[in-house]
């Protein structure tokens, strides 16, 4: 790779203590946290390296009811949150069956069962969700998080059915057209679960603002890597990332 590293930023450009991004990319001053009812828990693999283009920390900063935890494994959901929590009322953004989401083209979020099939009563399944879990890292990192945390098997599972590809575009190539960044995944989930399109609009605006600053910064795009997909793979768990980020 030639030019400035996308992870380190320009020389002397200290990262923001809040979002972790170089000053040239920081949009924290323009972020007003959203009062979301459905809690968003982002579990980030400790080797996640895309500090510049990643959106996990920015997502957590943009939501009042959200938390970002870095690690490989936790004994249970309550231990992560520091309070009692019923995993049956939580959902993991899962890489499930493509057919499960495509069978319901009008739905942005689809609840699936253990077999990867769409739940029969979608409204009831989604209405019961009080929190969502996003796994942040490359595909292999997200897979590791899934297998190291067997308590996730007690959670519900949802997949996304985006109408358009990630806004990353050529800035960061995703492994498939339906892979999204963590902030895009959170936006879709909350907008659908809370029936609040304003949440998706606000988070999308924040993401696009960050991307605009990145494009204007002159930083070198990171090398393509195999990234986590925000939805649909037969074996394991989510975000996102896809995605990673």
C-alpha atoms as a PDB file:
ATOM      1  CA  UNK A   1       0.000   0.000   0.000  1.00  0.00           C
ATOM      2  CA  UNK A   2       1.274   3.433  -0.846  1.00  0.00           C
ATOM      3  CA  UNK A   3       0.335   6.750   0.641  1.00  0.00           C
ATOM      4  CA  UNK A   4      -1.076   7.327   4.121  1.00  0.00           C
ATOM      5  CA  UNK A   5      -2.476   4.356   5.966  1.00  0.00           C
ATOM      6  CA  UNK A   6      -6.246   4.480   6.292  1.00  0.00           C
ATOM      7  CA  UNK A   7      -5.980   3.141   9.832  1.00  0.00           C
ATOM      8  CA  UNK A   8      -3.435   5.582  11.200  1.00  0.00           C
ATOM      9  CA  UNK A   9      -4.516   8.833   9.591  1.00  0.00           C
ATOM     10  CA  UNK A  10      -2.207  11.702   8.636  1.00  0.00           C
ATOM     11  CA  UNK A  11       0.963  12.120  10.726  1.00  0.00           C
ATOM     12  CA  UNK A  12       0.271  14.076  13.902  1.00  0.00           C
ATOM     13  CA  UNK A  13      -3.482  13.727  13.504  1.00  0.00           C
ATOM     14  CA  UNK A  14      -4.381  12.452  16.981  1.00  0.00           C
ATOM     15  CA  UNK A  15      -7.540  10.327  17.127  1.00  0.00           C
ATOM     16  CA  UNK A  16     -10.690  11.677  18.758  1.00  0.00           C
ATOM     17  CA  UNK A  17     -11.040  10.262  22.295  1.00  0.00           C
ATOM     18  CA  UNK A  18     -14.732   9.590  21.651  1.00  0.00           C
ATOM     19  CA  UNK A  19     -15.020   8.052  18.162  1.00  0.00           C
ATOM     20  CA  UNK A  20     -11.352   7.083  17.787  1.00  0.00           C
ATOM     21  CA  UNK A  21     -11.075   8.640  14.342  1.00  0.00           C
ATOM     22  CA  UNK A  22      -8.511  11.164  13.060  1.00  0.00           C
ATOM     23  CA  UNK A  23      -9.634  14.763  13.526  1.00  0.00           C
ATOM     24  CA  UNK A  24     -10.167  15.062   9.773  1.00  0.00           C
ATOM     25  CA  UNK A  25     -12.884  12.406   9.941  1.00  0.00           C
ATOM     26  CA  UNK A  26     -14.470  13.144  13.321  1.00  0.00           C
ATOM     27  CA  UNK A  27     -18.149  14.137  13.201  1.00  0.00           C
ATOM     28  CA  UNK A  28     -18.821  13.924  16.952  1.00  0.00           C
ATOM     29  CA  UNK A  29     -19.621  17.631  17.222  1.00  0.00           C
ATOM     30  CA  UNK A  30     -22.550  17.099  14.867  1.00  0.00           C
ATOM     31  CA  UNK A  31     -23.945  14.017  16.592  1.00  0.00           C
ATOM     32  CA  UNK A  32     -27.012  14.339  18.828  1.00  0.00           C
ATOM     33  CA  UNK A  33     -27.756  10.961  20.448  1.00  0.00           C
ATOM     34  CA  UNK A  34     -31.093   9.431  19.490  1.00  0.00           C
ATOM     35  CA  UNK A  35     -33.522   8.269  22.190  1.00  0.00           C
ATOM     36  CA  UNK A  36     -33.984   4.699  21.015  1.00  0.00           C
ATOM     37  CA  UNK A  37     -36.265   2.268  22.838  1.00  0.00           C
ATOM     38  CA  UNK A  38     -34.695  -0.961  21.532  1.00  0.00           C
ATOM     39  CA  UNK A  39     -31.242  -1.335  23.071  1.00  0.00           C
ATOM     40  CA  UNK A  40     -28.307  -1.872  20.694  1.00  0.00           C
ATOM     41  CA  UNK A  41     -25.398  -3.977  21.941  1.00  0.00           C
ATOM     42  CA  UNK A  42     -22.317  -4.084  19.708  1.00  0.00           C
ATOM     43  CA  UNK A  43     -19.809  -6.842  20.412  1.00  0.00           C
ATOM     44  CA  UNK A  44     -16.526  -6.040  18.715  1.00  0.00           C
ATOM     45  CA  UNK A  45     -13.766  -8.549  18.108  1.00  0.00           C
ATOM     46  CA  UNK A  46     -10.529  -7.277  19.742  1.00  0.00           C
ATOM     47  CA  UNK A  47      -8.629  -7.675  16.477  1.00  0.00           C
ATOM     48  CA  UNK A  48     -11.032  -5.473  14.538  1.00  0.00           C
ATOM     49  CA  UNK A  49      -8.618  -3.109  12.780  1.00  0.00           C
ATOM     50  CA  UNK A  50     -10.701  -0.789  10.618  1.00  0.00           C
ATOM     51  CA  UNK A  51     -10.521   2.149  12.991  1.00  0.00           C
ATOM     52  CA  UNK A  52     -10.918   4.751  10.271  1.00  0.00           C
ATOM     53  CA  UNK A  53     -13.811   3.435   8.201  1.00  0.00           C
ATOM     54  CA  UNK A  54     -15.399   1.317  10.925  1.00  0.00           C
ATOM     55  CA  UNK A  55     -18.644   2.607  12.430  1.00  0.00           C
ATOM     56  CA  UNK A  56     -19.095   0.641  15.667  1.00  0.00           C
ATOM     57  CA  UNK A  57     -18.036   3.436  18.019  1.00  0.00           C
ATOM     58  CA  UNK A  58     -19.881   6.038  15.971  1.00  0.00           C
ATOM     59  CA  UNK A  59     -23.039   3.937  16.183  1.00  0.00           C
ATOM     60  CA  UNK A  60     -22.798   3.651  19.966  1.00  0.00           C
ATOM     61  CA  UNK A  61     -22.197   7.405  20.289  1.00  0.00           C
ATOM     62  CA  UNK A  62     -25.257   8.134  18.155  1.00  0.00           C
ATOM     63  CA  UNK A  63     -27.688   6.207  20.374  1.00  0.00           C
ATOM     64  CA  UNK A  64     -28.637   6.861  24.014  1.00  0.00           C
ATOM     65  CA  UNK A  65     -29.468   3.209  24.631  1.00  0.00           C
ATOM     66  CA  UNK A  66     -26.441   1.431  23.232  1.00  0.00           C
ATOM     67  CA  UNK A  67     -23.196  -0.140  24.376  1.00  0.00           C
ATOM     68  CA  UNK A  68     -19.983  -1.222  22.657  1.00  0.00           C
ATOM     69  CA  UNK A  69     -18.054  -4.078  24.248  1.00  0.00           C
ATOM     70  CA  UNK A  70     -14.708  -5.335  22.978  1.00  0.00           C
ATOM     71  CA  UNK A  71     -13.747  -8.931  23.686  1.00  0.00           C
ATOM     72  CA  UNK A  72     -14.076 -12.553  22.636  1.00  0.00           C
ATOM     73  CA  UNK A  73     -16.471 -14.116  25.112  1.00  0.00           C
ATOM     74  CA  UNK A  74     -18.801 -13.362  27.996  1.00  0.00           C
ATOM     75  CA  UNK A  75     -20.624 -15.813  30.301  1.00  0.00           C
ATOM     76  CA  UNK A  76     -24.065 -14.428  29.530  1.00  0.00           C
ATOM     77  CA  UNK A  77     -26.004 -11.402  28.316  1.00  0.00           C
ATOM     78  CA  UNK A  78     -26.638 -10.047  31.808  1.00  0.00           C
ATOM     79  CA  UNK A  79     -22.916 -10.031  32.547  1.00  0.00           C
ATOM     80  CA  UNK A  80     -22.269  -7.859  29.501  1.00  0.00           C
ATOM     81  CA  UNK A  81     -25.043  -5.413  30.316  1.00  0.00           C
ATOM     82  CA  UNK A  82     -24.419  -5.335  34.057  1.00  0.00           C
ATOM     83  CA  UNK A  83     -28.096  -5.986  34.727  1.00  0.00           C
ATOM     84  CA  UNK A  84     -30.606  -8.846  34.442  1.00  0.00           C
ATOM     85  CA  UNK A  85     -31.630  -9.579  30.849  1.00  0.00           C
ATOM     86  CA  UNK A  86     -33.737 -12.287  29.236  1.00  0.00           C
ATOM     87  CA  UNK A  87     -31.948 -13.381  26.026  1.00  0.00           C
ATOM     88  CA  UNK A  88     -35.258 -14.645  24.649  1.00  0.00           C
ATOM     89  CA  UNK A  89     -36.317 -10.992  24.306  1.00  0.00           C
ATOM     90  CA  UNK A  90     -33.119 -10.108  22.460  1.00  0.00           C
ATOM     91  CA  UNK A  91     -32.193 -10.735  18.837  1.00  0.00           C
ATOM     92  CA  UNK A  92     -28.867 -11.385  17.141  1.00  0.00           C
ATOM     93  CA  UNK A  93     -28.375  -9.997  13.653  1.00  0.00           C
ATOM     94  CA  UNK A  94     -27.729 -13.345  12.042  1.00  0.00           C
ATOM     95  CA  UNK A  95     -26.215 -14.479   8.775  1.00  0.00           C
ATOM     96  CA  UNK A  96     -29.095 -16.698   7.880  1.00  0.00           C
ATOM     97  CA  UNK A  97     -30.748 -18.013   4.769  1.00  0.00           C
ATOM     98  CA  UNK A  98     -31.009 -15.759   1.733  1.00  0.00           C
ATOM     99  CA  UNK A  99     -34.381 -17.289   0.946  1.00  0.00           C
ATOM    100  CA  UNK A 100     -35.759 -16.369   4.374  1.00  0.00           C
ATOM    101  CA  UNK A 101     -35.507 -12.653   3.662  1.00  0.00           C
ATOM    102  CA  UNK A 102     -36.198 -12.789  -0.051  1.00  0.00           C
ATOM    103  CA  UNK A 103     -39.440 -14.641   0.671  1.00  0.00           C
ATOM    104  CA  UNK A 104     -40.682 -11.470   2.394  1.00  0.00           C
ATOM    105  CA  UNK A 105     -39.535  -8.672   0.061  1.00  0.00           C
ATOM    106  CA  UNK A 106     -41.606  -6.002   1.782  1.00  0.00           C
ATOM    107  CA  UNK A 107     -39.834  -6.381   5.120  1.00  0.00           C
ATOM    108  CA  UNK A 108     -36.541  -4.704   5.982  1.00  0.00           C
ATOM    109  CA  UNK A 109     -36.072  -6.984   9.008  1.00  0.00           C
ATOM    110  CA  UNK A 110     -37.066 -10.644   9.015  1.00  0.00           C
ATOM    111  CA  UNK A 111     -37.217 -12.875  12.093  1.00  0.00           C
ATOM    112  CA  UNK A 112     -35.997 -16.406  11.434  1.00  0.00           C
ATOM    113  CA  UNK A 113     -36.123 -19.668  13.358  1.00  0.00           C
ATOM    114  CA  UNK A 114     -33.326 -22.102  14.217  1.00  0.00           C
ATOM    115  CA  UNK A 115     -33.631 -23.708  10.780  1.00  0.00           C
ATOM    116  CA  UNK A 116     -33.040 -20.386   9.021  1.00  0.00           C
ATOM    117  CA  UNK A 117     -36.653 -20.127   7.909  1.00  0.00           C
ATOM    118  CA  UNK A 118     -38.819 -17.033   8.275  1.00  0.00           C
ATOM    119  CA  UNK A 119     -41.035 -17.064  11.360  1.00  0.00           C
ATOM    120  CA  UNK A 120     -44.710 -17.393  10.520  1.00  0.00           C
ATOM    121  CA  UNK A 121     -45.907 -14.504  12.686  1.00  0.00           C
ATOM    122  CA  UNK A 122     -43.374 -11.794  11.897  1.00  0.00           C
ATOM    123  CA  UNK A 123     -45.185  -9.013  13.738  1.00  0.00           C
ATOM    124  CA  UNK A 124     -45.339 -10.970  16.980  1.00  0.00           C
ATOM    125  CA  UNK A 125     -41.733 -12.122  16.735  1.00  0.00           C
ATOM    126  CA  UNK A 126     -40.371  -8.636  16.133  1.00  0.00           C
ATOM    127  CA  UNK A 127     -42.630  -6.944  18.692  1.00  0.00           C
ATOM    128  CA  UNK A 128     -41.134  -9.082  21.454  1.00  0.00           C
ATOM    129  CA  UNK A 129     -37.592  -7.790  20.862  1.00  0.00           C
ATOM    130  CA  UNK A 130     -36.256  -5.369  23.477  1.00  0.00           C
ATOM    131  CA  UNK A 131     -32.613  -5.406  22.398  1.00  0.00           C
ATOM    132  CA  UNK A 132     -30.457  -6.339  19.400  1.00  0.00           C
ATOM    133  CA  UNK A 133     -26.895  -7.647  19.218  1.00  0.00           C
ATOM    134  CA  UNK A 134     -24.514  -6.751  16.391  1.00  0.00           C
ATOM    135  CA  UNK A 135     -21.197  -8.564  15.929  1.00  0.00           C
ATOM    136  CA  UNK A 136     -18.504  -6.215  14.700  1.00  0.00           C
ATOM    137  CA  UNK A 137     -15.536  -7.607  12.794  1.00  0.00           C
ATOM    138  CA  UNK A 138     -14.574  -9.473   9.637  1.00  0.00           C
ATOM    139  CA  UNK A 139     -16.591 -12.540   8.749  1.00  0.00           C
ATOM    140  CA  UNK A 140     -14.105 -14.852  10.490  1.00  0.00           C
ATOM    141  CA  UNK A 141     -14.034 -12.596  13.559  1.00  0.00           C
ATOM    142  CA  UNK A 142     -17.827 -12.468  13.771  1.00  0.00           C
ATOM    143  CA  UNK A 143     -17.930 -16.237  13.415  1.00  0.00           C
ATOM    144  CA  UNK A 144     -15.480 -16.549  16.317  1.00  0.00           C
ATOM    145  CA  UNK A 145     -17.675 -14.304  18.461  1.00  0.00           C
ATOM    146  CA  UNK A 146     -20.712 -16.417  17.624  1.00  0.00           C
ATOM    147  CA  UNK A 147     -19.105 -19.736  18.547  1.00  0.00           C
ATOM    148  CA  UNK A 148     -17.419 -18.404  21.699  1.00  0.00           C
ATOM    149  CA  UNK A 149     -20.714 -17.147  23.119  1.00  0.00           C
ATOM    150  CA  UNK A 150     -23.151 -20.090  23.152  1.00  0.00           C
ATOM    151  CA  UNK A 151     -25.668 -18.078  25.172  1.00  0.00           C
ATOM    152  CA  UNK A 152     -26.555 -16.351  21.879  1.00  0.00           C
ATOM    153  CA  UNK A 153     -28.396 -19.528  20.902  1.00  0.00           C
ATOM    154  CA  UNK A 154     -31.068 -18.470  23.393  1.00  0.00           C
ATOM    155  CA  UNK A 155     -31.639 -15.209  21.524  1.00  0.00           C
ATOM    156  CA  UNK A 156     -33.979 -14.654  18.637  1.00  0.00           C
ATOM    157  CA  UNK A 157     -32.435 -14.268  15.193  1.00  0.00           C
ATOM    158  CA  UNK A 158     -33.105 -11.637  12.576  1.00  0.00           C
ATOM    159  CA  UNK A 159     -31.744 -10.927   9.111  1.00  0.00           C
ATOM    160  CA  UNK A 160     -31.815  -7.751   7.042  1.00  0.00           C
ATOM    161  CA  UNK A 161     -33.317  -7.296   3.615  1.00  0.00           C
ATOM    162  CA  UNK A 162     -31.762  -4.038   2.343  1.00  0.00           C
ATOM    163  CA  UNK A 163     -33.094  -2.427  -0.816  1.00  0.00           C
ATOM    164  CA  UNK A 164     -29.724  -0.953  -1.734  1.00  0.00           C
ATOM    165  CA  UNK A 165     -26.031  -1.787  -1.221  1.00  0.00           C
ATOM    166  CA  UNK A 166     -23.942  -0.198   1.506  1.00  0.00           C
ATOM    167  CA  UNK A 167     -23.153   3.485   1.187  1.00  0.00           C
ATOM    168  CA  UNK A 168     -19.492   2.612   1.475  1.00  0.00           C
ATOM    169  CA  UNK A 169     -19.491   2.150  -2.279  1.00  0.00           C
ATOM    170  CA  UNK A 170     -15.973   2.098  -3.729  1.00  0.00           C
ATOM    171  CA  UNK A 171     -14.493   3.463  -0.485  1.00  0.00           C
ATOM    172  CA  UNK A 172     -14.636  -0.010   1.026  1.00  0.00           C
ATOM    173  CA  UNK A 173     -15.697  -2.987  -1.011  1.00  0.00           C
ATOM    174  CA  UNK A 174     -17.997  -5.455   0.696  1.00  0.00           C
ATOM    175  CA  UNK A 175     -18.069  -9.197  -0.082  1.00  0.00           C
ATOM    176  CA  UNK A 176     -21.628  -9.051  -1.435  1.00  0.00           C
ATOM    177  CA  UNK A 177     -24.282  -6.513  -2.304  1.00  0.00           C
ATOM    178  CA  UNK A 178     -26.351  -6.990   0.858  1.00  0.00           C
ATOM    179  CA  UNK A 179     -23.453  -6.408   3.288  1.00  0.00           C
ATOM    180  CA  UNK A 180     -23.859  -3.258   5.376  1.00  0.00           C
ATOM    181  CA  UNK A 181     -21.842  -1.245   7.865  1.00  0.00           C
ATOM    182  CA  UNK A 182     -22.696  -1.523  11.554  1.00  0.00           C
ATOM    183  CA  UNK A 183     -24.326   1.907  11.588  1.00  0.00           C
ATOM    184  CA  UNK A 184     -26.456   1.058   8.538  1.00  0.00           C
ATOM    185  CA  UNK A 185     -27.505  -2.238  10.112  1.00  0.00           C
ATOM    186  CA  UNK A 186     -28.456  -0.515  13.367  1.00  0.00           C
ATOM    187  CA  UNK A 187     -30.379   2.116  11.420  1.00  0.00           C
ATOM    188  CA  UNK A 188     -32.436  -0.478   9.550  1.00  0.00           C
ATOM    189  CA  UNK A 189     -33.108  -2.523  12.658  1.00  0.00           C
ATOM    190  CA  UNK A 190     -34.251   0.361  14.843  1.00  0.00           C
ATOM    191  CA  UNK A 191     -36.329   2.006  12.128  1.00  0.00           C
ATOM    192  CA  UNK A 192     -38.205  -1.256  11.551  1.00  0.00           C
ATOM    193  CA  UNK A 193     -38.520  -2.446  15.151  1.00  0.00           C
ATOM    194  CA  UNK A 194     -39.566   0.947  16.516  1.00  0.00           C
ATOM    195  CA  UNK A 195     -41.443   2.048  13.389  1.00  0.00           C
ATOM    196  CA  UNK A 196     -39.368   5.215  13.341  1.00  0.00           C
ATOM    197  CA  UNK A 197     -37.934   6.055   9.912  1.00  0.00           C
ATOM    198  CA  UNK A 198     -36.378   9.174  11.448  1.00  0.00           C
ATOM    199  CA  UNK A 199     -33.821   6.965  13.213  1.00  0.00           C
ATOM    200  CA  UNK A 200     -32.596   5.520   9.930  1.00  0.00           C
ATOM    201  CA  UNK A 201     -32.511   8.967   8.349  1.00  0.00           C
ATOM    202  CA  UNK A 202     -30.459  10.427  11.203  1.00  0.00           C
ATOM    203  CA  UNK A 203     -27.947   7.579  11.396  1.00  0.00           C
ATOM    204  CA  UNK A 204     -27.594   7.500   7.622  1.00  0.00           C
ATOM    205  CA  UNK A 205     -26.903  11.233   7.573  1.00  0.00           C
ATOM    206  CA  UNK A 206     -24.171  10.781  10.192  1.00  0.00           C
ATOM    207  CA  UNK A 207     -22.605   7.964   8.187  1.00  0.00           C
ATOM    208  CA  UNK A 208     -22.693   9.916   4.946  1.00  0.00           C
ATOM    209  CA  UNK A 209     -21.135  12.910   6.695  1.00  0.00           C
ATOM    210  CA  UNK A 210     -18.259  10.718   7.858  1.00  0.00           C
ATOM    211  CA  UNK A 211     -17.814   9.263   4.372  1.00  0.00           C
ATOM    212  CA  UNK A 212     -17.777  12.734   2.829  1.00  0.00           C
ATOM    213  CA  UNK A 213     -14.998  13.779   5.190  1.00  0.00           C
ATOM    214  CA  UNK A 214     -13.100  10.617   4.367  1.00  0.00           C
ATOM    215  CA  UNK A 215     -13.325  11.201   0.623  1.00  0.00           C
ATOM    216  CA  UNK A 216     -12.121  14.775   1.100  1.00  0.00           C
ATOM    217  CA  UNK A 217      -9.253  13.753   3.389  1.00  0.00           C
ATOM    218  CA  UNK A 218      -7.030  12.187   0.772  1.00  0.00           C
ATOM    219  CA  UNK A 219      -6.517   9.048   2.865  1.00  0.00           C
ATOM    220  CA  UNK A 220      -5.679   5.862   0.994  1.00  0.00           C
ATOM    221  CA  UNK A 221      -8.536   3.323   0.955  1.00  0.00           C
ATOM    222  CA  UNK A 222      -7.752   0.179   2.962  1.00  0.00           C
ATOM    223  CA  UNK A 223      -6.912  -3.037   1.184  1.00  0.00           C
ATOM    224  CA  UNK A 224      -9.908  -5.278   0.522  1.00  0.00           C
ATOM    225  CA  UNK A 225     -10.339  -8.003   3.126  1.00  0.00           C
ATOM    226  CA  UNK A 226     -12.866 -10.747   3.722  1.00  0.00           C
ATOM    227  CA  UNK A 227     -15.505  -8.971   5.771  1.00  0.00           C
ATOM    228  CA  UNK A 228     -18.398 -10.030   7.942  1.00  0.00           C
ATOM    229  CA  UNK A 229     -21.742  -9.930   6.199  1.00  0.00           C
ATOM    230  CA  UNK A 230     -24.636  -8.366   7.983  1.00  0.00           C
ATOM    231  CA  UNK A 231     -26.979 -11.004   6.816  1.00  0.00           C
ATOM    232  CA  UNK A 232     -27.343 -14.444   5.515  1.00  0.00           C
ATOM    233  CA  UNK A 233     -24.958 -17.238   5.761  1.00  0.00           C
ATOM    234  CA  UNK A 234     -25.979 -20.714   6.776  1.00  0.00           C
ATOM    235  CA  UNK A 235     -23.646 -21.136   9.722  1.00  0.00           C
ATOM    236  CA  UNK A 236     -23.174 -18.242  12.116  1.00  0.00           C
ATOM    237  CA  UNK A 237     -23.918 -14.879  13.658  1.00  0.00           C
ATOM    238  CA  UNK A 238     -24.120 -11.392  12.328  1.00  0.00           C
ATOM    239  CA  UNK A 239     -23.410  -6.893  12.098  1.00  0.00           C
ATOM    240  CA  UNK A 240     -21.192  -5.379  10.835  1.00  0.00           C
ATOM    241  CA  UNK A 241     -21.123  -5.162  10.044  1.00  0.00           C
ATOM    242  CA  UNK A 242     -21.123  -7.001   7.519  1.00  0.00           C
ATOM    243  CA  UNK A 243     -19.933  -6.072   7.010  1.00  0.00           C
ATOM    244  CA  UNK A 244     -17.400  -5.003   9.255  1.00  0.00           C
ATOM    245  CA  UNK A 245     -17.466  -1.517  10.682  1.00  0.00           C
END
